[in-house]
């Protein structure tokens, strides 16, 4: 039997300070005390913006993947389109914008578009959410607009190849793998 969440003590922040920040994240050091036990510790918390990603399917039922160099893994990653949700944007508006900017594909009159999931990328030390969407029957318009540090290549892949790309390690991004799991749970 799983323990009741209410029986697990919470930790309260007694002091905090900003260690580093830039337009994309803030790193804080928290001094914390555990309720009931008095245990004390120092923890680093990253405040990052929420983001969204999207599993986009063409009219021929191909998945739109993108390849881009990632600074953290120091390699080119195979992913689905996604990006930061601006403060004044709804997640759905953000991801439709990102889809077009990164791939040149857009929604059509026959597209089905819906949110299929939401995850907390790493609750151990990051405070943000990732919203996952699915869109069908997208069409290429060619209207890409990369951010300053983006260099993206679009790759169309048959849906039945996705599992192989994950099990072979060609797709390793955890949020992308979670998105495909959400797609399966949503019945696609």
Protein backbone atom coordinates (compact mmCIF):
# COMPACT_ATOMS: atom_id res chain seq x y z
CA UNK A 1 0.00 0.00 0.00
CA UNK A 2 1.25 3.48 -0.91
CA UNK A 3 1.78 5.87 2.03
CA UNK A 4 -0.67 8.72 2.35
CA UNK A 5 0.87 11.87 0.91
CA UNK A 6 -0.28 13.78 4.00
CA UNK A 7 2.00 11.60 6.16
CA UNK A 8 5.08 12.78 4.33
CA UNK A 9 6.45 15.92 6.01
CA UNK A 10 6.90 19.07 3.97
CA UNK A 11 10.01 21.23 3.91
CA UNK A 12 9.72 24.94 4.63
CA UNK A 13 12.09 27.55 3.24
CA UNK A 14 13.72 29.66 5.94
CA UNK A 15 15.98 31.71 3.66
CA UNK A 16 16.64 31.90 -0.05
CA UNK A 17 18.95 33.76 -2.36
CA UNK A 18 19.30 34.09 -6.10
CA UNK A 19 22.52 32.46 -7.27
CA UNK A 20 22.15 33.12 -11.01
CA UNK A 21 19.52 34.33 -13.44
CA UNK A 22 19.00 35.06 -17.10
CA UNK A 23 15.90 35.62 -19.24
CA UNK A 24 15.19 31.85 -19.27
CA UNK A 25 15.68 30.78 -15.67
CA UNK A 26 16.49 31.73 -12.12
CA UNK A 27 18.62 29.54 -9.85
CA UNK A 28 17.90 29.94 -6.13
CA UNK A 29 19.58 28.43 -3.09
CA UNK A 30 17.04 27.58 -0.37
CA UNK A 31 17.79 26.83 3.27
CA UNK A 32 14.98 24.49 4.32
CA UNK A 33 13.74 22.71 7.45
CA UNK A 34 11.60 19.56 7.43
CA UNK A 35 8.33 19.84 9.38
CA UNK A 36 8.27 17.69 12.51
CA UNK A 37 11.84 16.43 12.33
CA UNK A 38 13.81 19.66 12.24
CA UNK A 39 16.18 18.25 9.60
CA UNK A 40 17.93 21.07 7.76
CA UNK A 41 19.40 21.24 4.29
CA UNK A 42 20.41 23.49 1.41
CA UNK A 43 18.66 22.94 -1.90
CA UNK A 44 18.93 24.49 -5.34
CA UNK A 45 15.67 25.30 -7.09
CA UNK A 46 15.42 26.30 -10.77
CA UNK A 47 12.54 28.56 -11.75
CA UNK A 48 12.01 28.04 -15.46
CA UNK A 49 9.16 29.14 -17.69
CA UNK A 50 6.44 26.68 -18.61
CA UNK A 51 6.70 25.25 -22.07
CA UNK A 52 4.66 23.26 -24.53
CA UNK A 53 5.40 20.62 -27.13
CA UNK A 54 3.34 19.07 -29.88
CA UNK A 55 2.98 15.79 -31.72
CA UNK A 56 2.08 17.00 -35.22
CA UNK A 57 0.82 14.62 -37.89
CA UNK A 58 0.67 15.37 -41.59
CA UNK A 59 -2.24 14.43 -43.85
CA UNK A 60 -0.14 11.35 -44.80
CA UNK A 61 0.05 10.37 -41.10
CA UNK A 62 3.75 11.19 -40.76
CA UNK A 63 5.11 12.65 -37.51
CA UNK A 64 6.92 15.96 -37.80
CA UNK A 65 10.20 15.67 -35.93
CA UNK A 66 12.95 18.23 -35.67
CA UNK A 67 16.69 17.88 -35.29
CA UNK A 68 18.66 20.54 -33.46
CA UNK A 69 21.83 20.85 -31.42
CA UNK A 70 21.17 20.92 -27.67
CA UNK A 71 23.63 22.60 -25.34
CA UNK A 72 22.86 20.34 -22.35
CA UNK A 73 23.42 17.01 -24.10
CA UNK A 74 26.10 18.49 -26.39
CA UNK A 75 24.64 16.70 -29.41
CA UNK A 76 21.95 16.92 -32.08
CA UNK A 77 18.66 15.67 -30.63
CA UNK A 78 15.65 14.26 -32.46
CA UNK A 79 12.56 15.88 -30.94
CA UNK A 80 9.06 17.16 -31.55
CA UNK A 81 8.46 20.90 -31.92
CA UNK A 82 8.19 22.82 -28.67
CA UNK A 83 9.15 25.92 -26.81
CA UNK A 84 8.71 28.38 -23.99
CA UNK A 85 5.24 29.76 -23.30
CA UNK A 86 5.46 33.56 -23.23
CA UNK A 87 3.96 35.22 -20.15
CA UNK A 88 1.02 36.67 -22.09
CA UNK A 89 0.25 33.45 -24.02
CA UNK A 90 -1.98 30.48 -23.46
CA UNK A 91 -0.21 27.13 -23.93
CA UNK A 92 -2.33 26.29 -27.02
CA UNK A 93 -1.50 29.59 -28.74
CA UNK A 94 2.16 29.21 -27.86
CA UNK A 95 2.53 25.76 -29.37
CA UNK A 96 0.73 26.64 -32.60
CA UNK A 97 3.17 29.56 -32.96
CA UNK A 98 6.17 27.31 -32.20
CA UNK A 99 5.00 24.66 -34.68
CA UNK A 100 4.96 27.19 -37.50
CA UNK A 101 8.17 28.95 -36.46
CA UNK A 102 10.18 25.72 -36.13
CA UNK A 103 8.74 23.62 -38.96
CA UNK A 104 6.73 25.75 -41.39
CA UNK A 105 3.68 23.54 -40.81
CA UNK A 106 0.29 24.98 -39.85
CA UNK A 107 -3.17 23.94 -38.80
CA UNK A 108 -5.75 23.33 -41.55
CA UNK A 109 -9.55 23.37 -41.63
CA UNK A 110 -9.50 19.57 -41.14
CA UNK A 111 -6.98 19.55 -38.28
CA UNK A 112 -7.88 18.10 -34.91
CA UNK A 113 -6.04 20.02 -32.18
CA UNK A 114 -6.14 19.26 -28.47
CA UNK A 115 -4.13 19.13 -25.28
CA UNK A 116 -3.32 15.51 -24.44
CA UNK A 117 -1.12 15.81 -21.36
CA UNK A 118 0.82 17.79 -18.81
CA UNK A 119 3.97 16.85 -16.88
CA UNK A 120 6.31 18.35 -14.32
CA UNK A 121 9.68 17.83 -16.08
CA UNK A 122 11.78 17.33 -12.95
CA UNK A 123 10.12 18.10 -9.60
CA UNK A 124 13.34 17.36 -7.72
CA UNK A 125 14.70 20.83 -8.47
CA UNK A 126 12.79 22.54 -11.32
CA UNK A 127 9.55 24.50 -10.95
CA UNK A 128 7.67 24.45 -14.25
CA UNK A 129 5.26 22.44 -16.38
CA UNK A 130 5.28 21.08 -19.90
CA UNK A 131 1.97 20.89 -21.77
CA UNK A 132 1.67 18.37 -24.60
CA UNK A 133 -0.62 18.87 -27.58
CA UNK A 134 -1.57 16.81 -30.61
CA UNK A 135 -2.54 18.16 -34.00
CA UNK A 136 -3.53 16.24 -37.13
CA UNK A 137 -3.64 17.11 -40.84
CA UNK A 138 -1.09 19.91 -40.75
CA UNK A 139 0.10 21.40 -44.00
CA UNK A 140 3.47 22.88 -44.99
CA UNK A 141 3.40 26.63 -45.56
CA UNK A 142 7.14 27.21 -45.29
CA UNK A 143 6.81 30.19 -42.93
CA UNK A 144 9.64 29.27 -40.52
CA UNK A 145 11.18 31.82 -38.17
CA UNK A 146 13.98 30.43 -36.02
CA UNK A 147 15.05 32.06 -32.77
CA UNK A 148 18.54 33.59 -32.71
CA UNK A 149 20.30 30.41 -31.53
CA UNK A 150 18.17 27.85 -33.39
CA UNK A 151 19.23 25.89 -36.45
CA UNK A 152 16.53 23.27 -37.07
CA UNK A 153 16.07 20.56 -39.64
CA UNK A 154 12.60 19.05 -40.13
CA UNK A 155 12.32 15.29 -40.51
CA UNK A 156 9.06 13.51 -41.45
CA UNK A 157 8.80 10.00 -39.99
CA UNK A 158 6.05 7.39 -40.42
CA UNK A 159 4.16 6.92 -37.13
CA UNK A 160 5.08 3.24 -36.97
CA UNK A 161 8.78 4.20 -36.78
CA UNK A 162 8.48 6.17 -33.51
CA UNK A 163 8.81 3.18 -31.16
CA UNK A 164 11.97 2.04 -32.96
CA UNK A 165 13.45 5.55 -32.72
CA UNK A 166 12.83 5.53 -28.97
CA UNK A 167 14.09 2.00 -28.26
CA UNK A 168 17.17 2.50 -30.45
CA UNK A 169 18.09 5.66 -28.53
CA UNK A 170 17.69 8.01 -31.50
CA UNK A 171 15.01 9.79 -29.46
CA UNK A 172 16.23 10.28 -25.87
CA UNK A 173 14.53 13.51 -24.82
CA UNK A 174 12.30 12.50 -21.90
CA UNK A 175 9.59 15.07 -22.64
CA UNK A 176 9.35 13.80 -26.21
CA UNK A 177 9.01 10.21 -25.01
CA UNK A 178 6.34 11.35 -22.53
CA UNK A 179 4.51 13.12 -25.38
CA UNK A 180 4.32 9.90 -27.40
CA UNK A 181 3.03 8.10 -24.31
CA UNK A 182 0.35 10.79 -23.90
CA UNK A 183 -0.54 10.29 -27.58
CA UNK A 184 -1.04 6.56 -26.96
CA UNK A 185 -3.15 7.22 -23.84
CA UNK A 186 -5.28 9.63 -25.88
CA UNK A 187 -6.03 6.82 -28.35
CA UNK A 188 -3.92 7.94 -31.31
